[in-house]
Amino acid sequence: MQKSGTVGRADSGVVDLVGWPRGYGVDINLIFRIAAVGILVAVLNIILKQSQREDIAMLTTLAGLVVVLLMVLDLLRQLFQNVRMIFDLF
C-alpha cells in the first residue's frame, strides 16, 4: 500500500509527485535559511547606510554572501558528483 503523495516505480524505488527519487531534492530548510540570511543582511545594510557607515554595510553584504556560498557549497559538490556519475566521467 502506497502512502499519499508518493508514486511507486519498480525500477527506481519510491519517488515523490514531481518524479524525483527521494533524497534528491533541495532541503526546504536550506532555502529558508538562505532567505533569512538575505533578509538579515538587507536590514543591516539599510541601517548601516542610514547611519553613514557604507564601508561596514559593504562588509556586511560580503559576509552574508560568503555565508550563503558556504551553505550552497555542499549542494554544488553533490551536483558535480551526480554529473560525473551520469556521464561516467573520471
Protein backbone atom coordinates (compact mmCIF):
# COMPACT_ATOMS: atom_id res chain seq x y z
CA MET A 1 0.00 0.00 0.00
CA GLN A 2 1.39 3.37 -1.03
CA LYS A 3 1.45 6.46 1.10
CA SER A 4 -0.34 9.57 -0.01
CA GLY A 5 1.84 11.76 -2.20
CA THR A 6 4.10 9.01 -3.49
CA VAL A 7 4.18 7.03 -6.67
CA GLY A 8 5.78 3.61 -6.77
CA ARG A 9 8.10 2.53 -9.59
CA ALA A 10 9.59 -0.91 -9.85
CA ASP A 11 12.89 0.23 -11.33
CA SER A 12 13.79 3.26 -9.18
CA GLY A 13 12.04 2.84 -5.85
CA VAL A 14 9.76 5.43 -4.31
CA VAL A 15 9.54 8.85 -5.92
CA ASP A 16 7.62 11.96 -4.95
CA LEU A 17 4.86 13.55 -7.05
CA VAL A 18 7.31 15.60 -9.08
CA GLY A 19 9.14 12.45 -10.15
CA TRP A 20 12.38 12.92 -8.23
CA PRO A 21 13.65 9.93 -6.24
CA ARG A 22 13.53 10.52 -2.51
CA GLY A 23 16.68 12.18 -1.19
CA TYR A 24 17.45 14.06 -4.43
CA GLY A 25 15.55 17.26 -3.72
CA VAL A 26 16.71 20.50 -2.17
CA ASP A 27 16.05 20.69 1.53
CA ILE A 28 13.39 23.35 2.11
CA ASN A 29 15.11 24.36 5.36
CA LEU A 30 18.17 25.38 3.37
CA ILE A 31 16.03 27.70 1.26
CA PHE A 32 14.52 29.25 4.39
CA ARG A 33 17.98 29.71 5.94
CA ILE A 34 19.27 31.44 2.80
CA ALA A 35 16.20 33.71 2.79
CA ALA A 36 16.72 34.53 6.47
CA VAL A 37 20.36 35.47 5.87
CA GLY A 38 19.29 37.65 2.93
CA ILE A 39 16.65 39.45 4.97
CA LEU A 40 19.04 39.97 7.89
CA VAL A 41 21.79 41.31 5.62
CA ALA A 42 19.33 43.63 3.87
CA VAL A 43 18.08 45.09 7.16
CA LEU A 44 21.62 45.55 8.48
CA ASN A 45 22.64 47.13 5.20
CA ILE A 46 19.80 49.67 5.37
CA ILE A 47 20.54 50.52 8.99
CA LEU A 48 24.26 50.93 8.37
CA LYS A 49 23.77 53.05 5.27
CA GLN A 50 21.38 55.38 7.09
CA SER A 51 23.96 55.82 9.84
CA GLN A 52 26.52 56.68 7.12
CA ARG A 53 28.60 53.53 7.59
CA GLU A 54 28.76 52.49 3.93
CA ASP A 55 32.06 50.66 4.37
CA ILE A 56 30.72 48.42 7.14
CA ALA A 57 27.50 47.92 5.14
CA MET A 58 29.58 46.61 2.23
CA LEU A 59 31.50 44.27 4.54
CA THR A 60 28.21 43.01 5.98
CA THR A 61 26.93 42.30 2.47
CA LEU A 62 30.12 40.43 1.58
CA ALA A 63 29.95 38.43 4.81
CA GLY A 64 26.35 37.47 4.03
CA LEU A 65 27.39 36.37 0.56
CA VAL A 66 30.17 34.19 1.97
CA VAL A 67 27.78 32.59 4.47
CA VAL A 68 25.28 31.74 1.73
CA LEU A 69 28.02 30.39 -0.54
CA LEU A 70 29.21 28.12 2.25
CA MET A 71 25.65 26.84 2.65
CA VAL A 72 25.38 26.10 -1.07
CA LEU A 73 28.87 24.63 -1.42
CA ASP A 74 27.78 21.12 -0.43
CA LEU A 75 24.93 21.22 -2.95
CA LEU A 76 27.39 22.16 -5.69
CA ARG A 77 29.64 19.28 -4.70
CA GLN A 78 26.69 16.88 -4.93
CA LEU A 79 25.73 18.33 -8.31
CA PHE A 80 29.17 17.75 -9.78
CA GLN A 81 29.29 14.22 -8.36
CA ASN A 82 25.92 13.45 -9.95
CA VAL A 83 27.07 14.86 -13.31
CA ARG A 84 30.20 12.72 -13.17
CA MET A 85 28.15 9.67 -12.27
CA ILE A 86 25.59 10.25 -15.03
CA PHE A 87 28.14 10.78 -17.76
CA ASP A 88 30.68 8.28 -16.36
CA LEU A 89 33.42 10.87 -16.11
CA PHE A 90 36.62 10.12 -14.23
